[in-house]
Amino acid sequence: MITTVDYHTGGEPFRIVTGGVPEIAGSGVLDRRTTAMAEFDDVRRLLCNEPRGHADMYGCFLVPPDDSGARLGALFWHKDGFSTACGHGTIALGAYAVHEGLVEAPADGVTDVVVDVPSGRVTARVRTAAGRVDAVTFVNVPSFVLARGVPAGDVLVDLAYGGAVYASLPAAGLGLTVEPRHLGALIEHARRIKAALAGHPATRHPSDERLSGVYGVIFHEDLPDLPDLDGVRHQRNVTVFADGEVDRSPCGSGTAARMALLHDADGTATLVHESVVGSVFTARVGATSSDGVVAEIDGTAYRTGRHTFELDPADPFPTGFTLR
């Protein structure tokens, strides 16, 4: 039996495995990811695939942090494998740590939940009000521009790192808008773009090959300025990651990658970032350095349930299936 606590952040699911999985070996979280990919992929598929999940499911295995400087370690997964970063998941982990009493939190105040993930050490800054989680700020690893105007089939994309590598392009360049009615076309474009960029040198992480390769494709569009927020960038996006998965949230690590591109282009310091379902993250540049910009991204997460999953030994679909 495997136990989980499930959340959603901006509409995007996040399944936290709390029991029933043996310890995943490794000298650090990034090494544990390699072990999980080799030895725990059947568990990922059981929890992510139908009938227990669906084609756009997301979650994590909890693992020990790299050292005492962090409270948790997390290995993020989706229907196609294991990712290196997950902003919406980090927001959910912050809410989870406070809800479950893993960290002491005041009834009114701010509590930092430090989490080691494959891309590095991140923070979920949890704000509580009247004893409830009110909001969570995801403080990411440094994000930076990798390349601009990179050919990907018949389009040009900008590449940036936000804990994972993302390709960005305006939806209008494809004659589309960021709306649910265009999701099918956007997914197919994202698959073609990822395939065209496979192995491209511009998609390589500068210091760790395990963080290389395009993880997601971000289609974006500008929105009208918001009242009383002069100079604040306002965009809508949909991020298609892995093999055609659609992020219902504005995508945390993808938003960080967008902040790196926008700040590099025109000094944008704040972005109100909407998703394809209307949820919103507000991102700002918290710090800059030679390593890039540190994006701080505000959102929140809501617990949706607790589960105990079982596998009948006679089940003809032991690790499930995906039907889209």
Foldseek 3Di string as FASTA:
>chain_A
DWKWWWKFWLNQIETETDDDDDAQDDLAQLRSQVSCQVPVVLVVLQCAFPPNHAQQHKYWYWHDHNDPVALTEIWIDHNQGTAQDFQRNQQVVVQVCLVVVSDDDDQADWDWHWYQTNLGIKIWIFGHHNNHTDKTKIWFDFKAWLAFQCDQDPGGWTWIFLSAIETEDAPVVVVDDLAPVCLVVVLVVWQSRQVSCVPPPSQADPPDRVRGGHFKYKHKDFDDDDPPDPLETEMEIWIQGDNGHTGSALTRSVVSRVCNVVCVPPNHAWYWYAYNNGATKIWGFPDQDPRHTTIIIMTHMDTDDMDDDDADPVDPQRSHDHDD
